[in-house]
PDB file of N, CA and C in Angstrom:
ATOM      1  N   MET A   1      11.426 -21.741   5.570  1.00  0.00           N
ATOM      2  CA  MET A   1      12.084 -20.687   5.376  1.00  0.00           C
ATOM      3  C   MET A   1      11.949 -20.360   4.208  1.00  0.00           C
ATOM      4  N   GLU A   2      11.349 -18.862   4.199  1.00  0.00           N
ATOM      5  CA  GLU A   2      10.502 -18.879   2.376  1.00  0.00           C
ATOM      6  C   GLU A   2      10.562 -18.881   1.181  1.00  0.00           C
ATOM      7  N   ASP A   3      10.576 -19.546   0.262  1.00  0.00           N
ATOM      8  CA  ASP A   3      11.279 -19.591  -1.122  1.00  0.00           C
ATOM      9  C   ASP A   3      11.424 -17.919  -1.982  1.00  0.00           C
ATOM     10  N   GLN A   4      12.324 -18.052  -2.809  1.00  0.00           N
ATOM     11  CA  GLN A   4      12.712 -16.749  -3.158  1.00  0.00           C
ATOM     12  C   GLN A   4      11.115 -16.277  -4.085  1.00  0.00           C
ATOM     13  N   ASP A   5      11.021 -16.876  -5.079  1.00  0.00           N
ATOM     14  CA  ASP A   5       9.732 -16.784  -5.564  1.00  0.00           C
ATOM     15  C   ASP A   5       8.215 -15.801  -4.737  1.00  0.00           C
ATOM     16  N   ALA A   6       8.457 -16.360  -3.726  1.00  0.00           N
ATOM     17  CA  ALA A   6       6.908 -16.059  -2.609  1.00  0.00           C
ATOM     18  C   ALA A   6       7.459 -14.720  -1.857  1.00  0.00           C
ATOM     19  N   ARG A   7       8.806 -14.597  -1.971  1.00  0.00           N
ATOM     20  CA  ARG A   7       9.726 -13.659  -1.156  1.00  0.00           C
ATOM     21  C   ARG A   7       9.206 -11.845  -2.529  1.00  0.00           C
ATOM     22  N   ARG A   8       9.539 -12.141  -4.043  1.00  0.00           N
ATOM     23  CA  ARG A   8       9.259 -11.198  -4.719  1.00  0.00           C
ATOM     24  C   ARG A   8       7.823 -11.689  -5.494  1.00  0.00           C
ATOM     25  N   ARG A   9       7.398 -12.020  -4.929  1.00  0.00           N
ATOM     26  CA  ARG A   9       5.552 -12.034  -5.068  1.00  0.00           C
ATOM     27  C   ARG A   9       5.464 -10.585  -3.489  1.00  0.00           C
ATOM     28  N   ARG A  10       5.397 -11.131  -2.241  1.00  0.00           N
ATOM     29  CA  ARG A  10       5.063  -9.908  -1.378  1.00  0.00           C
ATOM     30  C   ARG A  10       5.168  -8.703  -1.694  1.00  0.00           C
ATOM     31  N   ALA A  11       7.175  -8.782  -2.001  1.00  0.00           N
ATOM     32  CA  ALA A  11       7.683  -7.777  -2.529  1.00  0.00           C
ATOM     33  C   ALA A  11       6.267  -7.026  -3.370  1.00  0.00           C
ATOM     34  N   ALA A  12       6.518  -7.323  -3.945  1.00  0.00           N
ATOM     35  CA  ALA A  12       5.905  -6.504  -5.668  1.00  0.00           C
ATOM     36  C   ALA A  12       4.877  -5.942  -4.592  1.00  0.00           C
ATOM     37  N   GLU A  13       3.465  -6.695  -4.590  1.00  0.00           N
ATOM     38  CA  GLU A  13       2.641  -6.193  -4.047  1.00  0.00           C
ATOM     39  C   GLU A  13       2.685  -5.557  -2.741  1.00  0.00           C
ATOM     40  N   ASN A  14       3.908  -5.393  -1.503  1.00  0.00           N
ATOM     41  CA  ASN A  14       3.906  -4.061  -0.764  1.00  0.00           C
ATOM     42  C   ASN A  14       4.091  -2.851  -1.286  1.00  0.00           C
ATOM     43  N   GLN A  15       5.193  -3.542  -2.939  1.00  0.00           N
ATOM     44  CA  GLN A  15       5.452  -2.035  -3.603  1.00  0.00           C
ATOM     45  C   GLN A  15       3.878  -1.706  -4.954  1.00  0.00           C
ATOM     46  N   ALA A  16       3.471  -2.598  -3.990  1.00  0.00           N
ATOM     47  CA  ALA A  16       1.970  -1.956  -5.564  1.00  0.00           C
ATOM     48  C   ALA A  16       1.226  -1.135  -4.595  1.00  0.00           C
ATOM     49  N   LEU A  17       0.880  -1.275  -2.913  1.00  0.00           N
ATOM     50  CA  LEU A  17       0.391  -0.746  -2.121  1.00  0.00           C
ATOM     51  C   LEU A  17       0.825   0.590  -2.181  1.00  0.00           C
ATOM     52  N   PHE A  18       2.253   0.632  -1.791  1.00  0.00           N
ATOM     53  CA  PHE A  18       2.395   2.560  -2.451  1.00  0.00           C
ATOM     54  C   PHE A  18       1.851   3.369  -2.800  1.00  0.00           C
ATOM     55  N   ARG A  19       2.364   2.188  -4.226  1.00  0.00           N
ATOM     56  CA  ARG A  19       2.325   2.797  -5.365  1.00  0.00           C
ATOM     57  C   ARG A  19       1.304   3.890  -5.875  1.00  0.00           C
ATOM     58  N   ALA A  20      -0.255   2.977  -4.953  1.00  0.00           N
ATOM     59  CA  ALA A  20      -1.971   3.106  -4.896  1.00  0.00           C
ATOM     60  C   ALA A  20      -1.855   4.686  -3.822  1.00  0.00           C
ATOM     61  N   VAL A  21      -1.226   3.943  -3.012  1.00  0.00           N
ATOM     62  CA  VAL A  21      -0.720   5.252  -1.856  1.00  0.00           C
ATOM     63  C   VAL A  21      -0.114   6.817  -3.041  1.00  0.00           C
ATOM     64  N   ASN A  22       0.551   5.835  -3.461  1.00  0.00           N
ATOM     65  CA  ASN A  22       1.244   7.691  -3.918  1.00  0.00           C
ATOM     66  C   ASN A  22       0.372   7.701  -5.240  1.00  0.00           C
ATOM     67  N   GLU A  23      -0.661   7.248  -5.434  1.00  0.00           N
ATOM     68  CA  GLU A  23      -1.388   7.289  -6.652  1.00  0.00           C
ATOM     69  C   GLU A  23      -2.240   8.428  -5.942  1.00  0.00           C
ATOM     70  N   ARG A  24      -2.940   8.632  -4.471  1.00  0.00           N
ATOM     71  CA  ARG A  24      -3.456   9.579  -4.725  1.00  0.00           C
ATOM     72  C   ARG A  24      -2.592  11.205  -4.252  1.00  0.00           C
ATOM     73  N   ILE A  25      -1.336  10.938  -3.554  1.00  0.00           N
ATOM     74  CA  ILE A  25      -0.365  11.895  -2.802  1.00  0.00           C
ATOM     75  C   ILE A  25      -0.274  12.400  -4.188  1.00  0.00           C
ATOM     76  N   ASP A  26      -0.301  11.951  -5.498  1.00  0.00           N
ATOM     77  CA  ASP A  26      -0.031  12.760  -7.213  1.00  0.00           C
ATOM     78  C   ASP A  26      -0.844  14.035  -6.997  1.00  0.00           C
ATOM     79  N   GLU A  27      -2.343  13.498  -6.795  1.00  0.00           N
ATOM     80  CA  GLU A  27      -3.541  14.925  -6.540  1.00  0.00           C
ATOM     81  C   GLU A  27      -2.952  16.218  -6.656  1.00  0.00           C
ATOM     82  N   LEU A  28      -2.402  15.566  -4.985  1.00  0.00           N
ATOM     83  CA  LEU A  28      -2.272  16.860  -4.550  1.00  0.00           C
ATOM     84  C   LEU A  28      -0.726  17.485  -5.085  1.00  0.00           C
ATOM     85  N   ASN A  29       0.280  16.836  -5.294  1.00  0.00           N
ATOM     86  CA  ASN A  29       1.124  17.000  -5.551  1.00  0.00           C
ATOM     87  C   ASN A  29       0.891  18.087  -6.715  1.00  0.00           C
ATOM     88  N   ARG A  30       0.216  17.656  -7.442  1.00  0.00           N
ATOM     89  CA  ARG A  30      -0.156  18.423  -9.068  1.00  0.00           C
ATOM     90  C   ARG A  30      -0.505  19.241  -8.283  1.00  0.00           C
ATOM     91  N   THR A  31      -1.574  20.088  -7.557  1.00  0.00           N
ATOM     92  CA  THR A  31      -2.226  20.872  -7.068  1.00  0.00           C
ATOM     93  C   THR A  31      -1.615  22.147  -6.327  1.00  0.00           C
ATOM     94  N   PHE A  32      -0.373  21.121  -6.506  1.00  0.00           N
ATOM     95  CA  PHE A  32       0.946  22.292  -5.704  1.00  0.00           C
ATOM     96  C   PHE A  32       1.809  22.046  -6.217  1.00  0.00           C
ATOM     97  N   ASP A  33       2.337  21.791  -7.341  1.00  0.00           N
ATOM     98  CA  ASP A  33       3.119  22.150  -8.068  1.00  0.00           C
ATOM     99  C   ASP A  33       3.879  23.433  -8.720  1.00  0.00           C
ATOM    100  N   GLN A  34       3.318  24.211  -8.405  1.00  0.00           N
ATOM    101  CA  GLN A  34       3.346  25.937  -9.319  1.00  0.00           C
ATOM    102  C   GLN A  34       3.969  26.321  -8.263  1.00  0.00           C
ATOM    103  N   PHE A  35       4.127  25.490  -6.906  1.00  0.00           N
ATOM    104  CA  PHE A  35       4.687  26.360  -5.566  1.00  0.00           C
ATOM    105  C   PHE A  35       6.879  25.666  -5.392  1.00  0.00           C
ATOM    106  N   THR A  36       6.532  24.346  -5.716  1.00  0.00           N
ATOM    107  CA  THR A  36       7.641  24.124  -5.601  1.00  0.00           C
ATOM    108  C   THR A  36       8.220  22.727  -6.889  1.00  0.00           C
ATOM    109  N   PRO A  37       9.204  22.869  -7.291  1.00  0.00           N
ATOM    110  CA  PRO A  37       9.349  21.658  -8.490  1.00  0.00           C
ATOM    111  C   PRO A  37       9.976  19.988  -8.833  1.00  0.00           C
ATOM    112  N   TYR A  38       9.683  20.083  -6.722  1.00  0.00           N
ATOM    113  CA  TYR A  38       9.442  18.837  -6.168  1.00  0.00           C
ATOM    114  C   TYR A  38       8.520  18.087  -5.552  1.00  0.00           C
ATOM    115  N   GLY A  39       6.965  17.383  -5.781  1.00  0.00           N
ATOM    116  CA  GLY A  39       6.470  16.330  -5.437  1.00  0.00           C
ATOM    117  C   GLY A  39       7.238  15.574  -3.677  1.00  0.00           C
ATOM    118  N   SER A  40       6.069  15.775  -2.717  1.00  0.00           N
ATOM    119  CA  SER A  40       6.382  14.476  -1.575  1.00  0.00           C
ATOM    120  C   SER A  40       6.459  13.650  -1.658  1.00  0.00           C
ATOM    121  N   TRP A  41       6.883  11.825  -2.284  1.00  0.00           N
ATOM    122  CA  TRP A  41       6.736  10.480  -2.277  1.00  0.00           C
ATOM    123  C   TRP A  41       6.409  10.179  -1.579  1.00  0.00           C
ATOM    124  N   THR A  42       5.499   8.997  -1.221  1.00  0.00           N
ATOM    125  CA  THR A  42       5.759   7.916  -0.009  1.00  0.00           C
ATOM    126  C   THR A  42       6.781   6.795  -0.785  1.00  0.00           C
ATOM    127  N   CYS A  43       7.839   6.264   0.320  1.00  0.00           N
ATOM    128  CA  CYS A  43       9.199   5.217  -0.481  1.00  0.00           C
ATOM    129  C   CYS A  43       8.288   4.219  -1.415  1.00  0.00           C
ATOM    130  N   GLU A  44       8.948   3.488  -1.643  1.00  0.00           N
ATOM    131  CA  GLU A  44       7.867   2.691  -2.562  1.00  0.00           C
ATOM    132  C   GLU A  44       9.222   1.522  -2.202  1.00  0.00           C
ATOM    133  N   CYS A  45       9.689   1.236  -1.909  1.00  0.00           N
ATOM    134  CA  CYS A  45      10.781  -0.411  -1.238  1.00  0.00           C
ATOM    135  C   CYS A  45       9.839  -1.000  -0.793  1.00  0.00           C
ATOM    136  N   ALA A  46      10.483  -2.062  -0.533  1.00  0.00           N
ATOM    137  CA  ALA A  46       9.425  -4.101  -0.235  1.00  0.00           C
ATOM    138  C   ALA A  46       9.629  -3.559   0.976  1.00  0.00           C
ATOM    139  N   SER A  47       9.517  -2.972   1.549  1.00  0.00           N
ATOM    140  CA  SER A  47       8.743  -3.200   3.501  1.00  0.00           C
ATOM    141  C   SER A  47       8.246  -2.466   3.927  1.00  0.00           C
ATOM    142  N   THR A  48       7.102  -2.797   4.652  1.00  0.00           N
ATOM    143  CA  THR A  48       5.797  -2.640   4.850  1.00  0.00           C
ATOM    144  C   THR A  48       6.095  -1.489   5.606  1.00  0.00           C
ATOM    145  N   ASP A  49       6.878  -1.463   6.647  1.00  0.00           N
ATOM    146  CA  ASP A  49       7.729  -0.846   7.602  1.00  0.00           C
ATOM    147  C   ASP A  49       7.805   0.869   7.317  1.00  0.00           C
ATOM    148  N   CYS A  50       8.236   0.627   6.556  1.00  0.00           N
ATOM    149  CA  CYS A  50       9.410   2.268   5.968  1.00  0.00           C
ATOM    150  C   CYS A  50       8.155   3.133   5.603  1.00  0.00           C
ATOM    151  N   ILE A  51       8.627   4.469   6.624  1.00  0.00           N
ATOM    152  CA  ILE A  51       7.345   5.765   6.766  1.00  0.00           C
ATOM    153  C   ILE A  51       8.706   6.756   5.746  1.00  0.00           C
ATOM    154  N   ASP A  52       9.152   6.269   5.399  1.00  0.00           N
ATOM    155  CA  ASP A  52      10.293   7.356   4.266  1.00  0.00           C
ATOM    156  C   ASP A  52       9.600   8.351   3.163  1.00  0.00           C
ATOM    157  N   ARG A  53      10.592   9.515   2.643  1.00  0.00           N
ATOM    158  CA  ARG A  53       9.516  10.260   1.713  1.00  0.00           C
ATOM    159  C   ARG A  53      10.940  10.312   0.937  1.00  0.00           C
ATOM    160  N   VAL A  54       9.848  10.083   0.078  1.00  0.00           N
ATOM    161  CA  VAL A  54      10.774  10.405  -1.534  1.00  0.00           C
ATOM    162  C   VAL A  54      10.715  12.092  -2.436  1.00  0.00           C
ATOM    163  N   GLN A  55      11.270  12.695  -3.038  1.00  0.00           N
ATOM    164  CA  GLN A  55      11.191  14.372  -3.085  1.00  0.00           C
ATOM    165  C   GLN A  55      11.411  13.384  -4.454  1.00  0.00           C
ATOM    166  N   LEU A  56      10.762  13.240  -5.215  1.00  0.00           N
ATOM    167  CA  LEU A  56      10.376  13.676  -7.141  1.00  0.00           C
ATOM    168  C   LEU A  56      10.100  14.938  -7.618  1.00  0.00           C
ATOM    169  N   THR A  57      10.503  15.113  -8.969  1.00  0.00           N
ATOM    170  CA  THR A  57       9.260  16.317  -9.402  1.00  0.00           C
ATOM    171  C   THR A  57       8.454  15.450 -10.442  1.00  0.00           C
ATOM    172  N   LEU A  58       6.506  15.945 -11.345  1.00  0.00           N
ATOM    173  CA  LEU A  58       5.727  14.922 -11.779  1.00  0.00           C
ATOM    174  C   LEU A  58       6.592  14.460 -12.949  1.00  0.00           C
ATOM    175  N   ALA A  59       6.553  15.236 -13.400  1.00  0.00           N
ATOM    176  CA  ALA A  59       8.018  14.628 -14.589  1.00  0.00           C
ATOM    177  C   ALA A  59       9.048  12.752 -14.168  1.00  0.00           C
ATOM    178  N   GLU A  60       9.503  12.860 -13.344  1.00  0.00           N
ATOM    179  CA  GLU A  60      10.478  11.712 -12.896  1.00  0.00           C
ATOM    180  C   GLU A  60       9.416  11.054 -12.642  1.00  0.00           C
ATOM    181  N   TYR A  61       8.147  11.463 -11.362  1.00  0.00           N
ATOM    182  CA  TYR A  61       7.379  10.145 -11.196  1.00  0.00           C
ATOM    183  C   TYR A  61       6.964   9.506 -12.180  1.00  0.00           C
ATOM    184  N   GLU A  62       6.556  10.389 -12.979  1.00  0.00           N
ATOM    185  CA  GLU A  62       5.782   9.338 -14.608  1.00  0.00           C
ATOM    186  C   GLU A  62       6.680   8.637 -14.747  1.00  0.00           C
ATOM    187  N   GLU A  63       8.360   9.496 -15.087  1.00  0.00           N
ATOM    188  CA  GLU A  63       8.532   8.736 -15.908  1.00  0.00           C
ATOM    189  C   GLU A  63       9.332   6.806 -14.914  1.00  0.00           C
ATOM    190  N   VAL A  64       9.416   6.853 -13.927  1.00  0.00           N
ATOM    191  CA  VAL A  64       9.265   5.311 -12.903  1.00  0.00           C
ATOM    192  C   VAL A  64       8.444   4.925 -13.988  1.00  0.00           C
ATOM    193  N   ARG A  65       6.854   5.450 -13.226  1.00  0.00           N
ATOM    194  CA  ARG A  65       5.927   4.833 -13.269  1.00  0.00           C
ATOM    195  C   ARG A  65       5.169   4.093 -14.267  1.00  0.00           C
ATOM    196  N   ALA A  66       6.173   4.554 -15.036  1.00  0.00           N
ATOM    197  CA  ALA A  66       5.551   4.278 -16.800  1.00  0.00           C
ATOM    198  C   ALA A  66       5.506   3.140 -17.619  1.00  0.00           C
ATOM    199  N   GLU A  67       7.161   2.489 -16.173  1.00  0.00           N
ATOM    200  CA  GLU A  67       7.349   0.951 -16.547  1.00  0.00           C
ATOM    201  C   GLU A  67       6.498   0.799 -14.819  1.00  0.00           C
ATOM    202  N   PRO A  68       6.175  -0.442 -15.350  1.00  0.00           N
ATOM    203  CA  PRO A  68       4.540  -1.008 -13.793  1.00  0.00           C
ATOM    204  C   PRO A  68       6.103  -1.676 -13.318  1.00  0.00           C
ATOM    205  N   THR A  69       6.302  -2.655 -13.320  1.00  0.00           N
ATOM    206  CA  THR A  69       7.850  -2.999 -12.268  1.00  0.00           C
ATOM    207  C   THR A  69       9.030  -2.006 -11.747  1.00  0.00           C
ATOM    208  N   HIS A  70       8.936  -1.063 -12.709  1.00  0.00           N
ATOM    209  CA  HIS A  70       9.846  -0.441 -11.413  1.00  0.00           C
ATOM    210  C   HIS A  70       9.543   0.931 -10.394  1.00  0.00           C
ATOM    211  N   PHE A  71       9.891   1.105  -9.568  1.00  0.00           N
ATOM    212  CA  PHE A  71       9.736   1.820  -7.677  1.00  0.00           C
ATOM    213  C   PHE A  71      10.646   2.410  -7.882  1.00  0.00           C
ATOM    214  N   ALA A  72      10.284   3.937  -6.935  1.00  0.00           N
ATOM    215  CA  ALA A  72      11.495   4.801  -6.092  1.00  0.00           C
ATOM    216  C   ALA A  72      10.901   4.905  -5.150  1.00  0.00           C
ATOM    217  N   ALA A  73      12.286   4.393  -4.705  1.00  0.00           N
ATOM    218  CA  ALA A  73      12.470   4.138  -3.231  1.00  0.00           C
ATOM    219  C   ALA A  73      14.107   4.972  -2.317  1.00  0.00           C
ATOM    220  N   PHE A  74      12.645   5.596  -1.623  1.00  0.00           N
ATOM    221  CA  PHE A  74      14.442   6.112  -0.596  1.00  0.00           C
ATOM    222  C   PHE A  74      15.787   5.887  -1.320  1.00  0.00           C
ATOM    223  N   PRO A  75      16.956   6.660  -1.674  1.00  0.00           N
ATOM    224  CA  PRO A  75      18.527   6.719  -1.947  1.00  0.00           C
ATOM    225  C   PRO A  75      19.220   5.989  -0.349  1.00  0.00           C
ATOM    226  N   SER A  76      19.075   4.696  -0.980  1.00  0.00           N
ATOM    227  CA  SER A  76      20.100   4.169   0.456  1.00  0.00           C
ATOM    228  C   SER A  76      19.888   2.618   0.091  1.00  0.00           C
ATOM    229  N   GLU A  77      20.870   2.371   1.174  1.00  0.00           N
ATOM    230  CA  GLU A  77      20.890   0.520   0.534  1.00  0.00           C
ATOM    231  C   GLU A  77      20.085  -0.242   1.485  1.00  0.00           C
ATOM    232  N   PRO A  78      19.103   0.528   2.470  1.00  0.00           N
ATOM    233  CA  PRO A  78      18.856  -1.160   3.085  1.00  0.00           C
ATOM    234  C   PRO A  78      17.128  -0.581   3.048  1.00  0.00           C
ATOM    235  N   HIS A  79      16.715   0.375   1.262  1.00  0.00           N
ATOM    236  CA  HIS A  79      15.524   0.104   0.897  1.00  0.00           C
ATOM    237  C   HIS A  79      15.646  -0.081  -0.582  1.00  0.00           C
ATOM    238  N   VAL A  80      16.369  -1.352  -0.725  1.00  0.00           N
ATOM    239  CA  VAL A  80      16.661  -2.504  -1.764  1.00  0.00           C
ATOM    240  C   VAL A  80      16.801  -3.858  -1.301  1.00  0.00           C
ATOM    241  N   PHE A  81      16.633  -4.666  -1.327  1.00  0.00           N
ATOM    242  CA  PHE A  81      16.199  -5.803  -1.626  1.00  0.00           C
ATOM    243  C   PHE A  81      17.265  -6.650  -2.537  1.00  0.00           C
ATOM    244  N   ALA A  82      18.236  -6.987  -2.106  1.00  0.00           N
ATOM    245  CA  ALA A  82      19.058  -7.205  -3.626  1.00  0.00           C
ATOM    246  C   ALA A  82      18.360  -8.925  -4.368  1.00  0.00           C
ATOM    247  N   ASP A  83      17.916 -10.014  -2.923  1.00  0.00           N
ATOM    248  CA  ASP A  83      17.129 -10.733  -3.936  1.00  0.00           C
ATOM    249  C   ASP A  83      15.455 -10.798  -4.784  1.00  0.00           C
ATOM    250  N   VAL A  84      15.451  -9.884  -4.476  1.00  0.00           N
ATOM    251  CA  VAL A  84      13.853  -9.236  -4.884  1.00  0.00           C
ATOM    252  C   VAL A  84      14.171  -8.226  -6.228  1.00  0.00           C
ATOM    253  N   GLU A  85      15.352  -7.652  -5.879  1.00  0.00           N
ATOM    254  CA  GLU A  85      14.927  -6.220  -7.380  1.00  0.00           C
ATOM    255  C   GLU A  85      16.495  -5.879  -7.652  1.00  0.00           C
ATOM    256  N   ARG A  86      16.105  -5.309  -8.431  1.00  0.00           N
ATOM    257  CA  ARG A  86      18.134  -4.540  -8.929  1.00  0.00           C
ATOM    258  C   ARG A  86      17.713  -2.916  -8.598  1.00  0.00           C
ATOM    259  N   VAL A  87      19.201  -1.279  -8.793  1.00  0.00           N
ATOM    260  CA  VAL A  87      19.028  -0.673  -8.768  1.00  0.00           C
ATOM    261  C   VAL A  87      19.253  -0.357 -10.032  1.00  0.00           C
ATOM    262  N   VAL A  88      18.017   0.755 -10.771  1.00  0.00           N
ATOM    263  CA  VAL A  88      18.761   0.221 -12.467  1.00  0.00           C
ATOM    264  C   VAL A  88      18.438   2.415 -12.442  1.00  0.00           C
ATOM    265  N   GLY A  89      18.049   2.657 -11.493  1.00  0.00           N
ATOM    266  CA  GLY A  89      18.322   3.929 -11.840  1.00  0.00           C
ATOM    267  C   GLY A  89      18.763   5.183 -10.107  1.00  0.00           C
ATOM    268  N   ARG A  90      19.391   5.820 -10.346  1.00  0.00           N
ATOM    269  CA  ARG A  90      20.298   6.348  -8.935  1.00  0.00           C
ATOM    270  C   ARG A  90      20.369   8.531  -9.350  1.00  0.00           C
ATOM    271  N   ASN A  91      20.273   8.422  -7.687  1.00  0.00           N
ATOM    272  CA  ASN A  91      20.632  10.135  -7.899  1.00  0.00           C
ATOM    273  C   ASN A  91      20.014  10.735  -6.230  1.00  0.00           C
ATOM    274  N   ASP A  92      20.103  11.922  -5.779  1.00  0.00           N
ATOM    275  CA  ASP A  92      20.508  12.034  -4.364  1.00  0.00           C
ATOM    276  C   ASP A  92      19.072  12.174  -4.397  1.00  0.00           C
ATOM    277  N   ARG A  93      18.023  12.177  -5.008  1.00  0.00           N
ATOM    278  CA  ARG A  93      16.917  11.865  -4.092  1.00  0.00           C
ATOM    279  C   ARG A  93      16.214  10.992  -3.833  1.00  0.00           C
ATOM    280  N   TYR A  94      16.038   9.858  -5.049  1.00  0.00           N
ATOM    281  CA  TYR A  94      15.251   8.330  -4.889  1.00  0.00           C
ATOM    282  C   TYR A  94      16.693   7.528  -5.751  1.00  0.00           C
ATOM    283  N   TRP A  95      16.252   6.086  -5.698  1.00  0.00           N
ATOM    284  CA  TRP A  95      16.908   6.031  -6.177  1.00  0.00           C
ATOM    285  C   TRP A  95      15.618   4.225  -7.326  1.00  0.00           C
ATOM    286  N   THR A  96      15.620   4.736  -8.710  1.00  0.00           N
ATOM    287  CA  THR A  96      15.185   3.764  -9.040  1.00  0.00           C
ATOM    288  C   THR A  96      14.588   2.494  -8.836  1.00  0.00           C
ATOM    289  N   VAL A  97      14.021   1.250  -8.670  1.00  0.00           N
ATOM    290  CA  VAL A  97      13.834  -0.672  -8.752  1.00  0.00           C
ATOM    291  C   VAL A  97      13.427  -1.097  -9.571  1.00  0.00           C
ATOM    292  N   GLU A  98      13.823  -2.064  -9.676  1.00  0.00           N
ATOM    293  CA  GLU A  98      13.270  -2.916 -10.723  1.00  0.00           C
ATOM    294  C   GLU A  98      12.715  -4.303 -10.134  1.00  0.00           C
ATOM    295  N   ASN A  99      11.644  -4.770  -9.760  1.00  0.00           N
ATOM    296  CA  ASN A  99      11.546  -6.542  -9.723  1.00  0.00           C
ATOM    297  C   ASN A  99      11.745  -7.380 -10.464  1.00  0.00           C
ATOM    298  N   LEU A 100      12.506  -8.212  -9.917  1.00  0.00           N
ATOM    299  CA  LEU A 100      13.114  -9.715 -10.797  1.00  0.00           C
ATOM    300  C   LEU A 100      12.353 -10.818 -10.417  1.00  0.00           C
ATOM    301  N   GLY A 101      12.176 -11.332 -11.622  1.00  0.00           N
ATOM    302  CA  GLY A 101      11.108 -12.720 -11.275  1.00  0.00           C
ATOM    303  C   GLY A 101       9.950 -12.939 -11.413  1.00  0.00           C
ATOM    304  N   VAL A 102       9.295 -13.213 -10.510  1.00  0.00           N
ATOM    305  CA  VAL A 102       7.805 -13.218 -10.560  1.00  0.00           C
ATOM    306  C   VAL A 102       7.131 -12.131  -9.647  1.00  0.00           C
ATOM    307  N   GLY A 103       8.808 -11.592  -9.236  1.00  0.00           N
ATOM    308  CA  GLY A 103       7.776 -10.339  -8.321  1.00  0.00           C
ATOM    309  C   GLY A 103       8.145  -9.184  -9.743  1.00  0.00           C
ATOM    310  N   ALA A 104       8.351  -9.093 -10.845  1.00  0.00           N
ATOM    311  CA  ALA A 104       7.903  -8.582 -11.925  1.00  0.00           C
ATOM    312  C   ALA A 104       6.886  -8.841 -12.301  1.00  0.00           C
ATOM    313  N   GLU A 105       6.730 -10.266 -12.651  1.00  0.00           N
ATOM    314  CA  GLU A 105       5.309 -10.771 -13.396  1.00  0.00           C
ATOM    315  C   GLU A 105       3.839 -10.597 -12.414  1.00  0.00           C
ATOM    316  N   ARG A 106       4.375 -10.387 -10.660  1.00  0.00           N
ATOM    317  CA  ARG A 106       3.006  -9.701  -9.948  1.00  0.00           C
ATOM    318  C   ARG A 106       3.134  -8.942 -10.050  1.00  0.00           C
ATOM    319  N   ALA A 107       3.662  -7.028 -10.033  1.00  0.00           N
ATOM    320  CA  ALA A 107       4.065  -6.120 -10.285  1.00  0.00           C
ATOM    321  C   ALA A 107       3.758  -5.018 -11.726  1.00  0.00           C
ATOM    322  N   ALA A 108       3.440  -6.497 -12.779  1.00  0.00           N
ATOM    323  CA  ALA A 108       2.889  -5.572 -13.657  1.00  0.00           C
ATOM    324  C   ALA A 108       1.016  -6.208 -13.967  1.00  0.00           C
ATOM    325  N   GLU A 109       0.979  -7.397 -13.438  1.00  0.00           N
ATOM    326  CA  GLU A 109      -0.522  -7.501 -13.377  1.00  0.00           C
ATOM    327  C   GLU A 109      -1.218  -6.714 -11.862  1.00  0.00           C
ATOM    328  N   VAL A 110      -0.665  -6.377 -11.027  1.00  0.00           N
ATOM    329  CA  VAL A 110      -0.908  -5.278 -10.226  1.00  0.00           C
ATOM    330  C   VAL A 110      -1.178  -3.604 -11.203  1.00  0.00           C
ATOM    331  N   ALA A 111      -0.519  -3.459 -12.080  1.00  0.00           N
ATOM    332  CA  ALA A 111      -0.310  -2.538 -12.197  1.00  0.00           C
ATOM    333  C   ALA A 111      -1.789  -2.372 -13.955  1.00  0.00           C
ATOM    334  N   ASP A 112      -1.762  -4.090 -13.800  1.00  0.00           N
ATOM    335  CA  ASP A 112      -3.393  -3.446 -15.129  1.00  0.00           C
ATOM    336  C   ASP A 112      -3.913  -3.150 -13.981  1.00  0.00           C
TER     337      ASP A 112
END
């Protein structure tokens, strides 16, 4: 079985990939900001199979993004991997998860 550090690193790398996708989506959301308060973002959970979308304002996305170890996830338990992250914020549109241990270190490295 995969050790916890390797799983945390891999989860952080998966989440960083989704964050990169969201950076591109950010450009589109800024264009349409005048028409709707919420942008549609890719869920940044650790699952590479996830295709769910989350709704955040630009300010909310920037707030989550400001902390390199935080990611916006679809608001349900299957999108949280307790062995690699913890929920640090919840609302009805998205949850903010924070990487743990070496996953947090890897997320910070990838963000640089």
